[in-house]
């Protein structure tokens, strides 16, 4: 419960709580990669909905852009989930590690210059 609380707060801040939760489920709680990813994604839908609503109420969401992003994301998430279901756990774990290395590198090197899409 404490693990979920901490990673939920990080998710609400949009700083990767789901990534940390997945790592903890696999390494600390010995949940299989497939089950951990499924659990995190299921929990993420609820967490993301609450965080999105909160940001929308604060005026931080551009609805038109969010709808375009959602359309692409749903399509890609469906394809990714179908692919992940056919991959061995070890392969899925390595792909996830590459993702984390890539995101960590991006964070360390800094994001590109911020541009407003108004």
PDB file of N, CA and C in Angstrom:
ATOM      1  N   UNK A   1       0.821  -1.189   0.000  1.00  0.00           N
ATOM      2  CA  UNK A   1       0.000   0.000   0.000  1.00  0.00           C
ATOM      3  C   UNK A   1       0.870   1.259   0.000  1.00  0.00           C
ATOM      4  N   UNK A   2       1.950   1.256   0.772  1.00  0.00           N
ATOM      5  CA  UNK A   2       2.843   2.420   0.804  1.00  0.00           C
ATOM      6  C   UNK A   2       3.524   2.626  -0.543  1.00  0.00           C
ATOM      7  N   UNK A   3       3.876   1.519  -1.196  1.00  0.00           N
ATOM      8  CA  UNK A   3       4.482   1.602  -2.521  1.00  0.00           C
ATOM      9  C   UNK A   3       3.516   2.263  -3.493  1.00  0.00           C
ATOM     10  N   UNK A   4       2.263   1.846  -3.470  1.00  0.00           N
ATOM     11  CA  UNK A   4       1.253   2.420  -4.351  1.00  0.00           C
ATOM     12  C   UNK A   4       1.002   3.892  -4.024  1.00  0.00           C
ATOM     13  N   UNK A   5       1.004   4.235  -2.748  1.00  0.00           N
ATOM     14  CA  UNK A   5       0.794   5.620  -2.336  1.00  0.00           C
ATOM     15  C   UNK A   5       1.911   6.516  -2.880  1.00  0.00           C
ATOM     16  N   UNK A   6       3.140   6.092  -2.666  1.00  0.00           N
ATOM     17  CA  UNK A   6       4.281   6.892  -3.128  1.00  0.00           C
ATOM     18  C   UNK A   6       4.332   7.037  -4.633  1.00  0.00           C
ATOM     19  N   UNK A   7       4.125   5.934  -5.338  1.00  0.00           N
ATOM     20  CA  UNK A   7       4.180   6.009  -6.797  1.00  0.00           C
ATOM     21  C   UNK A   7       2.945   6.708  -7.363  1.00  0.00           C
ATOM     22  N   UNK A   8       1.829   6.657  -6.647  1.00  0.00           N
ATOM     23  CA  UNK A   8       0.636   7.391  -7.068  1.00  0.00           C
ATOM     24  C   UNK A   8       0.861   8.895  -7.004  1.00  0.00           C
ATOM     25  N   UNK A   9       1.528   9.336  -5.958  1.00  0.00           N
ATOM     26  CA  UNK A   9       1.857  10.764  -5.842  1.00  0.00           C
ATOM     27  C   UNK A   9       2.763  11.169  -6.992  1.00  0.00           C
ATOM     28  N   UNK A  10       3.772  10.361  -7.283  1.00  0.00           N
ATOM     29  CA  UNK A  10       4.664  10.674  -8.399  1.00  0.00           C
ATOM     30  C   UNK A  10       3.913  10.690  -9.728  1.00  0.00           C
ATOM     31  N   UNK A  11       2.971   9.778  -9.903  1.00  0.00           N
ATOM     32  CA  UNK A  11       2.174   9.754 -11.128  1.00  0.00           C
ATOM     33  C   UNK A  11       1.334  11.009 -11.252  1.00  0.00           C
ATOM     34  N   UNK A  12       0.751  11.446 -10.148  1.00  0.00           N
ATOM     35  CA  UNK A  12      -0.044  12.672 -10.161  1.00  0.00           C
ATOM     36  C   UNK A  12       0.785  13.889 -10.526  1.00  0.00           C
ATOM     37  N   UNK A  13       2.062  13.843 -10.172  1.00  0.00           N
ATOM     38  CA  UNK A  13       2.984  14.923 -10.536  1.00  0.00           C
ATOM     39  C   UNK A  13       3.527  14.752 -11.951  1.00  0.00           C
ATOM     40  N   UNK A  14       3.171  13.653 -12.589  1.00  0.00           N
ATOM     41  CA  UNK A  14       3.612  13.321 -13.952  1.00  0.00           C
ATOM     42  C   UNK A  14       5.125  13.179 -14.033  1.00  0.00           C
ATOM     43  N   UNK A  15       5.713  12.495 -13.036  1.00  0.00           N
ATOM     44  CA  UNK A  15       7.160  12.293 -13.043  1.00  0.00           C
ATOM     45  C   UNK A  15       7.557  10.820 -13.063  1.00  0.00           C
ATOM     46  N   UNK A  16       6.713   9.964 -13.568  1.00  0.00           N
ATOM     47  CA  UNK A  16       7.111   8.586 -13.777  1.00  0.00           C
ATOM     48  C   UNK A  16       6.828   7.616 -12.655  1.00  0.00           C
ATOM     49  N   UNK A  17       5.779   7.849 -11.891  1.00  0.00           N
ATOM     50  CA  UNK A  17       5.437   6.932 -10.811  1.00  0.00           C
ATOM     51  C   UNK A  17       5.183   5.520 -11.300  1.00  0.00           C
ATOM     52  N   UNK A  18       4.573   5.384 -12.470  1.00  0.00           N
ATOM     53  CA  UNK A  18       4.303   4.063 -13.030  1.00  0.00           C
ATOM     54  C   UNK A  18       5.576   3.307 -13.347  1.00  0.00           C
ATOM     55  N   UNK A  19       6.586   4.007 -13.833  1.00  0.00           N
ATOM     56  CA  UNK A  19       7.867   3.368 -14.128  1.00  0.00           C
ATOM     57  C   UNK A  19       8.512   2.830 -12.864  1.00  0.00           C
ATOM     58  N   UNK A  20       8.445   3.620 -11.811  1.00  0.00           N
ATOM     59  CA  UNK A  20       9.024   3.190 -10.538  1.00  0.00           C
ATOM     60  C   UNK A  20       8.222   2.029  -9.965  1.00  0.00           C
ATOM     61  N   UNK A  21       6.898   2.112 -10.050  1.00  0.00           N
ATOM     62  CA  UNK A  21       6.051   1.031  -9.543  1.00  0.00           C
ATOM     63  C   UNK A  21       6.352  -0.272 -10.272  1.00  0.00           C
ATOM     64  N   UNK A  22       6.512  -0.210 -11.584  1.00  0.00           N
ATOM     65  CA  UNK A  22       6.814  -1.424 -12.351  1.00  0.00           C
ATOM     66  C   UNK A  22       8.133  -2.036 -11.890  1.00  0.00           C
ATOM     67  N   UNK A  23       9.147  -1.208 -11.718  1.00  0.00           N
ATOM     68  CA  UNK A  23      10.440  -1.708 -11.247  1.00  0.00           C
ATOM     69  C   UNK A  23      10.313  -2.365  -9.876  1.00  0.00           C
ATOM     70  N   UNK A  24       9.548  -1.745  -8.985  1.00  0.00           N
ATOM     71  CA  UNK A  24       9.377  -2.303  -7.642  1.00  0.00           C
ATOM     72  C   UNK A  24       8.593  -3.606  -7.661  1.00  0.00           C
ATOM     73  N   UNK A  25       7.552  -3.668  -8.479  1.00  0.00           N
ATOM     74  CA  UNK A  25       6.771  -4.906  -8.559  1.00  0.00           C
ATOM     75  C   UNK A  25       7.625  -6.071  -9.042  1.00  0.00           C
ATOM     76  N   UNK A  26       8.453  -5.824 -10.049  1.00  0.00           N
ATOM     77  CA  UNK A  26       9.274  -6.899 -10.617  1.00  0.00           C
ATOM     78  C   UNK A  26      10.437  -7.258  -9.693  1.00  0.00           C
ATOM     79  N   UNK A  27      11.157  -6.262  -9.206  1.00  0.00           N
ATOM     80  CA  UNK A  27      12.369  -6.548  -8.438  1.00  0.00           C
ATOM     81  C   UNK A  27      12.104  -6.834  -6.962  1.00  0.00           C
ATOM     82  N   UNK A  28      11.246  -6.077  -6.334  1.00  0.00           N
ATOM     83  CA  UNK A  28      11.019  -6.216  -4.902  1.00  0.00           C
ATOM     84  C   UNK A  28       9.942  -7.254  -4.575  1.00  0.00           C
ATOM     85  N   UNK A  29       8.857  -7.239  -5.341  1.00  0.00           N
ATOM     86  CA  UNK A  29       7.735  -8.133  -5.049  1.00  0.00           C
ATOM     87  C   UNK A  29       7.698  -9.372  -5.935  1.00  0.00           C
ATOM     88  N   UNK A  30       8.668  -9.501  -6.838  1.00  0.00           N
ATOM     89  CA  UNK A  30       8.823 -10.680  -7.699  1.00  0.00           C
ATOM     90  C   UNK A  30       7.583 -11.005  -8.546  1.00  0.00           C
ATOM     91  N   UNK A  31       6.915  -9.981  -9.045  1.00  0.00           N
ATOM     92  CA  UNK A  31       5.781 -10.158  -9.948  1.00  0.00           C
ATOM     93  C   UNK A  31       6.360 -10.303 -11.361  1.00  0.00           C
ATOM     94  N   UNK A  32       5.782 -11.159 -12.189  1.00  0.00           N
ATOM     95  CA  UNK A  32       6.297 -11.334 -13.548  1.00  0.00           C
ATOM     96  C   UNK A  32       6.170 -10.017 -14.323  1.00  0.00           C
ATOM     97  N   UNK A  33       7.032  -9.835 -15.301  1.00  0.00           N
ATOM     98  CA  UNK A  33       7.046  -8.610 -16.098  1.00  0.00           C
ATOM     99  C   UNK A  33       5.680  -8.348 -16.734  1.00  0.00           C
ATOM    100  N   UNK A  34       5.080  -9.382 -17.326  1.00  0.00           N
ATOM    101  CA  UNK A  34       3.779  -9.209 -17.979  1.00  0.00           C
ATOM    102  C   UNK A  34       2.701  -8.775 -16.985  1.00  0.00           C
ATOM    103  N   UNK A  35       2.645  -9.447 -15.837  1.00  0.00           N
ATOM    104  CA  UNK A  35       1.624  -9.111 -14.834  1.00  0.00           C
ATOM    105  C   UNK A  35       1.870  -7.730 -14.230  1.00  0.00           C
ATOM    106  N   UNK A  36       3.129  -7.399 -14.001  1.00  0.00           N
ATOM    107  CA  UNK A  36       3.451  -6.082 -13.442  1.00  0.00           C
ATOM    108  C   UNK A  36       3.050  -4.977 -14.411  1.00  0.00           C
ATOM    109  N   UNK A  37       3.365  -5.143 -15.681  1.00  0.00           N
ATOM    110  CA  UNK A  37       2.994  -4.131 -16.665  1.00  0.00           C
ATOM    111  C   UNK A  37       1.482  -4.016 -16.771  1.00  0.00           C
ATOM    112  N   UNK A  38       0.784  -5.130 -16.755  1.00  0.00           N
ATOM    113  CA  UNK A  38      -0.676  -5.096 -16.805  1.00  0.00           C
ATOM    114  C   UNK A  38      -1.274  -4.392 -15.604  1.00  0.00           C
ATOM    115  N   UNK A  39      -0.755  -4.698 -14.416  1.00  0.00           N
ATOM    116  CA  UNK A  39      -1.262  -4.075 -13.193  1.00  0.00           C
ATOM    117  C   UNK A  39      -1.007  -2.570 -13.193  1.00  0.00           C
ATOM    118  N   UNK A  40       0.198  -2.182 -13.595  1.00  0.00           N
ATOM    119  CA  UNK A  40       0.541  -0.756 -13.623  1.00  0.00           C
ATOM    120  C   UNK A  40      -0.340  -0.021 -14.628  1.00  0.00           C
ATOM    121  N   UNK A  41      -0.549  -0.606 -15.786  1.00  0.00           N
ATOM    122  CA  UNK A  41      -1.388   0.047 -16.793  1.00  0.00           C
ATOM    123  C   UNK A  41      -2.838   0.149 -16.334  1.00  0.00           C
ATOM    124  N   UNK A  42      -3.341  -0.878 -15.671  1.00  0.00           N
ATOM    125  CA  UNK A  42      -4.711  -0.824 -15.159  1.00  0.00           C
ATOM    126  C   UNK A  42      -4.851   0.272 -14.101  1.00  0.00           C
ATOM    127  N   UNK A  43      -3.892   0.340 -13.187  1.00  0.00           N
ATOM    128  CA  UNK A  43      -3.927   1.378 -12.155  1.00  0.00           C
ATOM    129  C   UNK A  43      -3.711   2.756 -12.767  1.00  0.00           C
ATOM    130  N   UNK A  44      -2.882   2.825 -13.794  1.00  0.00           N
ATOM    131  CA  UNK A  44      -2.557   4.102 -14.431  1.00  0.00           C
ATOM    132  C   UNK A  44      -3.788   4.753 -15.044  1.00  0.00           C
ATOM    133  N   UNK A  45      -4.704   3.961 -15.586  1.00  0.00           N
ATOM    134  CA  UNK A  45      -5.884   4.566 -16.214  1.00  0.00           C
ATOM    135  C   UNK A  45      -6.674   5.373 -15.196  1.00  0.00           C
ATOM    136  N   UNK A  46      -6.792   4.859 -13.989  1.00  0.00           N
ATOM    137  CA  UNK A  46      -7.530   5.579 -12.945  1.00  0.00           C
ATOM    138  C   UNK A  46      -6.726   6.784 -12.464  1.00  0.00           C
ATOM    139  N   UNK A  47      -5.453   6.565 -12.202  1.00  0.00           N
ATOM    140  CA  UNK A  47      -4.583   7.644 -11.740  1.00  0.00           C
ATOM    141  C   UNK A  47      -4.512   8.763 -12.767  1.00  0.00           C
ATOM    142  N   UNK A  48      -4.358   8.397 -14.029  1.00  0.00           N
ATOM    143  CA  UNK A  48      -4.260   9.390 -15.095  1.00  0.00           C
ATOM    144  C   UNK A  48      -5.553  10.174 -15.243  1.00  0.00           C
ATOM    145  N   UNK A  49      -6.687   9.507 -15.102  1.00  0.00           N
ATOM    146  CA  UNK A  49      -7.972  10.200 -15.219  1.00  0.00           C
ATOM    147  C   UNK A  49      -8.121  11.256 -14.119  1.00  0.00           C
ATOM    148  N   UNK A  50      -7.751  10.904 -12.897  1.00  0.00           N
ATOM    149  CA  UNK A  50      -7.842  11.855 -11.786  1.00  0.00           C
ATOM    150  C   UNK A  50      -6.878  13.017 -12.002  1.00  0.00           C
ATOM    151  N   UNK A  51      -5.631  12.712 -12.384  1.00  0.00           N
ATOM    152  CA  UNK A  51      -4.637  13.766 -12.612  1.00  0.00           C
ATOM    153  C   UNK A  51      -5.053  14.660 -13.778  1.00  0.00           C
ATOM    154  N   UNK A  52      -5.574  14.070 -14.850  1.00  0.00           N
ATOM    155  CA  UNK A  52      -6.004  14.860 -16.011  1.00  0.00           C
ATOM    156  C   UNK A  52      -7.151  15.791 -15.637  1.00  0.00           C
ATOM    157  N   UNK A  53      -8.098  15.275 -14.866  1.00  0.00           N
ATOM    158  CA  UNK A  53      -9.224  16.110 -14.426  1.00  0.00           C
ATOM    159  C   UNK A  53      -8.730  17.276 -13.567  1.00  0.00           C
ATOM    160  N   UNK A  54      -7.815  16.986 -12.667  1.00  0.00           N
ATOM    161  CA  UNK A  54      -7.278  18.029 -11.791  1.00  0.00           C
ATOM    162  C   UNK A  54      -6.563  19.102 -12.602  1.00  0.00           C
ATOM    163  N   UNK A  55      -5.752  18.685 -13.574  1.00  0.00           N
ATOM    164  CA  UNK A  55      -5.051  19.652 -14.423  1.00  0.00           C
ATOM    165  C   UNK A  55      -6.023  20.412 -15.318  1.00  0.00           C
ATOM    166  N   UNK A  56      -7.075  19.746 -15.788  1.00  0.00           N
ATOM    167  CA  UNK A  56      -8.086  20.402 -16.610  1.00  0.00           C
ATOM    168  C   UNK A  56      -8.796  21.497 -15.807  1.00  0.00           C
ATOM    169  N   UNK A  57      -9.165  21.170 -14.562  1.00  0.00           N
ATOM    170  CA  UNK A  57      -9.832  22.170 -13.705  1.00  0.00           C
ATOM    171  C   UNK A  57      -8.946  23.372 -13.440  1.00  0.00           C
ATOM    172  N   UNK A  58      -7.638  23.142 -13.418  1.00  0.00           N
ATOM    173  CA  UNK A  58      -6.697  24.241 -13.182  1.00  0.00           C
ATOM    174  C   UNK A  58      -6.406  25.018 -14.464  1.00  0.00           C
ATOM    175  N   UNK A  59      -6.970  24.572 -15.590  1.00  0.00           N
ATOM    176  CA  UNK A  59      -6.773  25.272 -16.855  1.00  0.00           C
ATOM    177  C   UNK A  59      -5.492  24.912 -17.585  1.00  0.00           C
ATOM    178  N   UNK A  60      -4.909  23.772 -17.262  1.00  0.00           N
ATOM    179  CA  UNK A  60      -3.633  23.377 -17.866  1.00  0.00           C
ATOM    180  C   UNK A  60      -3.768  22.412 -19.034  1.00  0.00           C
ATOM    181  N   UNK A  61      -4.992  22.136 -19.463  1.00  0.00           N
ATOM    182  CA  UNK A  61      -5.194  21.161 -20.539  1.00  0.00           C
ATOM    183  C   UNK A  61      -5.779  21.862 -21.755  1.00  0.00           C
ATOM    184  N   UNK A  62      -5.114  21.672 -22.876  1.00  0.00           N
ATOM    185  CA  UNK A  62      -5.664  22.144 -24.152  1.00  0.00           C
ATOM    186  C   UNK A  62      -6.398  20.955 -24.761  1.00  0.00           C
ATOM    187  N   UNK A  63      -7.706  21.003 -24.684  1.00  0.00           N
ATOM    188  CA  UNK A  63      -8.551  19.859 -25.019  1.00  0.00           C
ATOM    189  C   UNK A  63      -8.323  19.348 -26.434  1.00  0.00           C
ATOM    190  N   UNK A  64      -8.222  20.232 -27.397  1.00  0.00           N
ATOM    191  CA  UNK A  64      -8.040  19.794 -28.790  1.00  0.00           C
ATOM    192  C   UNK A  64      -6.736  19.001 -28.949  1.00  0.00           C
ATOM    193  N   UNK A  65      -5.654  19.507 -28.390  1.00  0.00           N
ATOM    194  CA  UNK A  65      -4.371  18.806 -28.449  1.00  0.00           C
ATOM    195  C   UNK A  65      -4.468  17.466 -27.714  1.00  0.00           C
ATOM    196  N   UNK A  66      -5.126  17.466 -26.550  1.00  0.00           N
ATOM    197  CA  UNK A  66      -5.273  16.231 -25.776  1.00  0.00           C
ATOM    198  C   UNK A  66      -6.043  15.173 -26.562  1.00  0.00           C
ATOM    199  N   UNK A  67      -7.075  15.573 -27.287  1.00  0.00           N
ATOM    200  CA  UNK A  67      -7.845  14.616 -28.080  1.00  0.00           C
ATOM    201  C   UNK A  67      -7.010  14.023 -29.214  1.00  0.00           C
ATOM    202  N   UNK A  68      -6.216  14.852 -29.871  1.00  0.00           N
ATOM    203  CA  UNK A  68      -5.328  14.334 -30.924  1.00  0.00           C
ATOM    204  C   UNK A  68      -4.307  13.355 -30.346  1.00  0.00           C
ATOM    205  N   UNK A  69      -3.742  13.712 -29.206  1.00  0.00           N
ATOM    206  CA  UNK A  69      -2.778  12.817 -28.563  1.00  0.00           C
ATOM    207  C   UNK A  69      -3.441  11.510 -28.144  1.00  0.00           C
ATOM    208  N   UNK A  70      -4.661  11.593 -27.639  1.00  0.00           N
ATOM    209  CA  UNK A  70      -5.379  10.394 -27.203  1.00  0.00           C
ATOM    210  C   UNK A  70      -5.644   9.455 -28.380  1.00  0.00           C
ATOM    211  N   UNK A  71      -6.019   9.997 -29.522  1.00  0.00           N
ATOM    212  CA  UNK A  71      -6.295   9.135 -30.679  1.00  0.00           C
ATOM    213  C   UNK A  71      -5.058   8.346 -31.093  1.00  0.00           C
ATOM    214  N   UNK A  72      -3.932   9.005 -31.171  1.00  0.00           N
ATOM    215  CA  UNK A  72      -2.696   8.312 -31.519  1.00  0.00           C
ATOM    216  C   UNK A  72      -2.258   7.344 -30.441  1.00  0.00           C
ATOM    217  N   UNK A  73      -2.429   7.744 -29.196  1.00  0.00           N
ATOM    218  CA  UNK A  73      -2.008   6.901 -28.076  1.00  0.00           C
ATOM    219  C   UNK A  73      -2.824   5.622 -27.972  1.00  0.00           C
ATOM    220  N   UNK A  74      -4.121   5.705 -28.188  1.00  0.00           N
ATOM    221  CA  UNK A  74      -4.971   4.516 -28.098  1.00  0.00           C
ATOM    222  C   UNK A  74      -4.581   3.510 -29.171  1.00  0.00           C
ATOM    223  N   UNK A  75      -4.345   3.997 -30.370  1.00  0.00           N
ATOM    224  CA  UNK A  75      -3.937   3.117 -31.471  1.00  0.00           C
ATOM    225  C   UNK A  75      -2.599   2.449 -31.162  1.00  0.00           C
ATOM    226  N   UNK A  76      -1.628   3.242 -30.751  1.00  0.00           N
ATOM    227  CA  UNK A  76      -0.300   2.707 -30.466  1.00  0.00           C
ATOM    228  C   UNK A  76      -0.307   1.795 -29.241  1.00  0.00           C
ATOM    229  N   UNK A  77      -1.085   2.143 -28.219  1.00  0.00           N
ATOM    230  CA  UNK A  77      -1.154   1.314 -27.013  1.00  0.00           C
ATOM    231  C   UNK A  77      -1.760  -0.053 -27.327  1.00  0.00           C
ATOM    232  N   UNK A  78      -2.751  -0.083 -28.191  1.00  0.00           N
ATOM    233  CA  UNK A  78      -3.352  -1.357 -28.583  1.00  0.00           C
ATOM    234  C   UNK A  78      -2.327  -2.229 -29.294  1.00  0.00           C
ATOM    235  N   UNK A  79      -1.609  -1.647 -30.236  1.00  0.00           N
ATOM    236  CA  UNK A  79      -0.580  -2.398 -30.967  1.00  0.00           C
ATOM    237  C   UNK A  79       0.520  -2.869 -30.011  1.00  0.00           C
ATOM    238  N   UNK A  80       0.950  -1.987 -29.108  1.00  0.00           N
ATOM    239  CA  UNK A  80       1.994  -2.351 -28.154  1.00  0.00           C
ATOM    240  C   UNK A  80       1.569  -3.452 -27.202  1.00  0.00           C
ATOM    241  N   UNK A  81       0.332  -3.398 -26.746  1.00  0.00           N
ATOM    242  CA  UNK A  81      -0.171  -4.430 -25.834  1.00  0.00           C
ATOM    243  C   UNK A  81      -0.266  -5.785 -26.534  1.00  0.00           C
ATOM    244  N   UNK A  82      -0.713  -5.778 -27.774  1.00  0.00           N
ATOM    245  CA  UNK A  82      -0.780  -7.031 -28.536  1.00  0.00           C
ATOM    246  C   UNK A  82       0.619  -7.611 -28.733  1.00  0.00           C
ATOM    247  N   UNK A  83       1.582  -6.752 -29.057  1.00  0.00           N
ATOM    248  CA  UNK A  83       2.963  -7.198 -29.240  1.00  0.00           C
ATOM    249  C   UNK A  83       3.544  -7.716 -27.930  1.00  0.00           C
ATOM    250  N   UNK A  84       3.337  -6.990 -26.834  1.00  0.00           N
ATOM    251  CA  UNK A  84       3.891  -7.390 -25.536  1.00  0.00           C
ATOM    252  C   UNK A  84       3.367  -8.749 -25.096  1.00  0.00           C
ATOM    253  N   UNK A  85       2.126  -9.044 -25.432  1.00  0.00           N
ATOM    254  CA  UNK A  85       1.552 -10.333 -25.062  1.00  0.00           C
ATOM    255  C   UNK A  85       2.216 -11.512 -25.739  1.00  0.00           C
ATOM    256  N   UNK A  86       2.902 -11.254 -26.854  1.00  0.00           N
ATOM    257  CA  UNK A  86       3.570 -12.324 -27.594  1.00  0.00           C
ATOM    258  C   UNK A  86       5.070 -12.405 -27.299  1.00  0.00           C
ATOM    259  N   UNK A  87       5.596 -11.465 -26.537  1.00  0.00           N
ATOM    260  CA  UNK A  87       7.029 -11.458 -26.243  1.00  0.00           C
ATOM    261  C   UNK A  87       7.321 -12.222 -24.956  1.00  0.00           C
ATOM    262  N   UNK A  88       8.454 -12.938 -24.929  1.00  0.00           N
ATOM    263  CA  UNK A  88       8.868 -13.577 -23.670  1.00  0.00           C
ATOM    264  C   UNK A  88       9.153 -12.504 -22.606  1.00  0.00           C
ATOM    265  N   UNK A  89       8.982 -12.861 -21.335  1.00  0.00           N
ATOM    266  CA  UNK A  89       9.195 -11.914 -20.247  1.00  0.00           C
ATOM    267  C   UNK A  89      10.578 -11.277 -20.260  1.00  0.00           C
ATOM    268  N   UNK A  90      11.602 -12.065 -20.573  1.00  0.00           N
ATOM    269  CA  UNK A  90      12.965 -11.525 -20.606  1.00  0.00           C
ATOM    270  C   UNK A  90      13.143 -10.460 -21.679  1.00  0.00           C
ATOM    271  N   UNK A  91      12.544 -10.691 -22.831  1.00  0.00           N
ATOM    272  CA  UNK A  91      12.629  -9.714 -23.916  1.00  0.00           C
ATOM    273  C   UNK A  91      11.891  -8.443 -23.528  1.00  0.00           C
ATOM    274  N   UNK A  92      10.732  -8.596 -22.935  1.00  0.00           N
ATOM    275  CA  UNK A  92       9.948  -7.447 -22.488  1.00  0.00           C
ATOM    276  C   UNK A  92      10.717  -6.655 -21.438  1.00  0.00           C
ATOM    277  N   UNK A  93      11.386  -7.359 -20.527  1.00  0.00           N
ATOM    278  CA  UNK A  93      12.185  -6.712 -19.485  1.00  0.00           C
ATOM    279  C   UNK A  93      13.341  -5.924 -20.098  1.00  0.00           C
ATOM    280  N   UNK A  94      14.009  -6.501 -21.102  1.00  0.00           N
ATOM    281  CA  UNK A  94      15.120  -5.790 -21.757  1.00  0.00           C
ATOM    282  C   UNK A  94      14.630  -4.559 -22.517  1.00  0.00           C
ATOM    283  N   UNK A  95      13.500  -4.681 -23.192  1.00  0.00           N
ATOM    284  CA  UNK A  95      12.942  -3.519 -23.894  1.00  0.00           C
ATOM    285  C   UNK A  95      12.587  -2.410 -22.905  1.00  0.00           C
ATOM    286  N   UNK A  96      12.051  -2.812 -21.767  1.00  0.00           N
ATOM    287  CA  UNK A  96      11.719  -1.832 -20.736  1.00  0.00           C
ATOM    288  C   UNK A  96      12.989  -1.170 -20.200  1.00  0.00           C
ATOM    289  N   UNK A  97      14.039  -1.942 -20.029  1.00  0.00           N
ATOM    290  CA  UNK A  97      15.318  -1.378 -19.574  1.00  0.00           C
ATOM    291  C   UNK A  97      15.848  -0.366 -20.580  1.00  0.00           C
ATOM    292  N   UNK A  98      15.749  -0.676 -21.865  1.00  0.00           N
ATOM    293  CA  UNK A  98      16.186   0.277 -22.902  1.00  0.00           C
ATOM    294  C   UNK A  98      15.367   1.561 -22.847  1.00  0.00           C
ATOM    295  N   UNK A  99      14.082   1.416 -22.622  1.00  0.00           N
ATOM    296  CA  UNK A  99      13.211   2.579 -22.486  1.00  0.00           C
ATOM    297  C   UNK A  99      13.672   3.454 -21.321  1.00  0.00           C
ATOM    298  N   UNK A 100      13.938   2.825 -20.169  1.00  0.00           N
ATOM    299  CA  UNK A 100      14.365   3.589 -18.999  1.00  0.00           C
ATOM    300  C   UNK A 100      15.714   4.262 -19.230  1.00  0.00           C
ATOM    301  N   UNK A 101      16.631   3.569 -19.886  1.00  0.00           N
ATOM    302  CA  UNK A 101      17.933   4.169 -20.198  1.00  0.00           C
ATOM    303  C   UNK A 101      17.745   5.375 -21.113  1.00  0.00           C
ATOM    304  N   UNK A 102      16.903   5.212 -22.125  1.00  0.00           N
ATOM    305  CA  UNK A 102      16.638   6.321 -23.050  1.00  0.00           C
ATOM    306  C   UNK A 102      16.018   7.521 -22.349  1.00  0.00           C
ATOM    307  N   UNK A 103      15.026   7.271 -21.500  1.00  0.00           N
ATOM    308  CA  UNK A 103      14.373   8.375 -20.791  1.00  0.00           C
ATOM    309  C   UNK A 103      15.316   9.013 -19.777  1.00  0.00           C
ATOM    310  N   UNK A 104      16.136   8.192 -19.127  1.00  0.00           N
ATOM    311  CA  UNK A 104      17.107   8.736 -18.184  1.00  0.00           C
ATOM    312  C   UNK A 104      18.132   9.610 -18.887  1.00  0.00           C
ATOM    313  N   UNK A 105      18.605   9.150 -20.035  1.00  0.00           N
ATOM    314  CA  UNK A 105      19.561   9.928 -20.818  1.00  0.00           C
ATOM    315  C   UNK A 105      18.939  11.245 -21.251  1.00  0.00           C
ATOM    316  N   UNK A 106      17.708  11.190 -21.740  1.00  0.00           N
ATOM    317  CA  UNK A 106      16.996  12.396 -22.154  1.00  0.00           C
ATOM    318  C   UNK A 106      16.870  13.373 -20.982  1.00  0.00           C
ATOM    319  N   UNK A 107      16.553  12.860 -19.806  1.00  0.00           N
ATOM    320  CA  UNK A 107      16.407  13.715 -18.631  1.00  0.00           C
ATOM    321  C   UNK A 107      17.736  14.337 -18.214  1.00  0.00           C
ATOM    322  N   UNK A 108      18.805  13.545 -18.278  1.00  0.00           N
ATOM    323  CA  UNK A 108      20.115  14.066 -17.878  1.00  0.00           C
ATOM    324  C   UNK A 108      20.657  15.100 -18.852  1.00  0.00           C
ATOM    325  N   UNK A 109      20.439  14.871 -20.135  1.00  0.00           N
ATOM    326  CA  UNK A 109      20.955  15.792 -21.138  1.00  0.00           C
ATOM    327  C   UNK A 109      20.087  17.033 -21.278  1.00  0.00           C
ATOM    328  N   UNK A 110      18.900  16.966 -20.763  1.00  0.00           N
ATOM    329  CA  UNK A 110      18.000  18.117 -20.822  1.00  0.00           C
ATOM    330  C   UNK A 110      17.065  18.022 -22.011  1.00  0.00           C
ATOM    331  N   UNK A 111      15.893  18.532 -21.804  1.00  0.00           N
ATOM    332  CA  UNK A 111      14.883  18.545 -22.863  1.00  0.00           C
ATOM    333  C   UNK A 111      15.240  19.621 -23.885  1.00  0.00           C
ATOM    334  N   UNK A 112      14.757  19.478 -25.114  1.00  0.00           N
ATOM    335  CA  UNK A 112      14.978  20.534 -26.103  1.00  0.00           C
ATOM    336  C   UNK A 112      14.327  21.829 -25.647  1.00  0.00           C
ATOM    337  N   UNK A 113      14.651  22.887 -26.319  1.00  0.00           N
ATOM    338  CA  UNK A 113      14.109  24.192 -25.982  1.00  0.00           C
ATOM    339  C   UNK A 113      12.577  24.115 -25.952  1.00  0.00           C
ATOM    340  N   UNK A 114      11.997  24.646 -24.882  1.00  0.00           N
ATOM    341  CA  UNK A 114      10.545  24.609 -24.715  1.00  0.00           C
ATOM    342  C   UNK A 114       9.881  25.559 -25.702  1.00  0.00           C
ATOM    343  N   UNK A 115       8.922  25.022 -26.442  1.00  0.00           N
ATOM    344  CA  UNK A 115       8.163  25.843 -27.386  1.00  0.00           C
ATOM    345  C   UNK A 115       6.687  25.723 -27.036  1.00  0.00           C
ATOM    346  N   UNK A 116       6.001  26.797 -27.131  1.00  0.00           N
ATOM    347  CA  UNK A 116       4.555  26.778 -26.886  1.00  0.00           C
ATOM    348  C   UNK A 116       3.858  26.491 -28.205  1.00  0.00           C
ATOM    349  N   UNK A 117       2.865  25.602 -28.154  1.00  0.00           N
ATOM    350  CA  UNK A 117       2.126  25.228 -29.357  1.00  0.00           C
ATOM    351  C   UNK A 117       0.790  25.945 -29.423  1.00  0.00           C
ATOM    352  N   UNK A 118       0.776  27.205 -29.105  1.00  0.00           N
ATOM    353  CA  UNK A 118      -0.497  27.955 -29.090  1.00  0.00           C
ATOM    354  C   UNK A 118      -0.938  28.340 -30.471  1.00  0.00           C
TER     355      UNK A 118
END
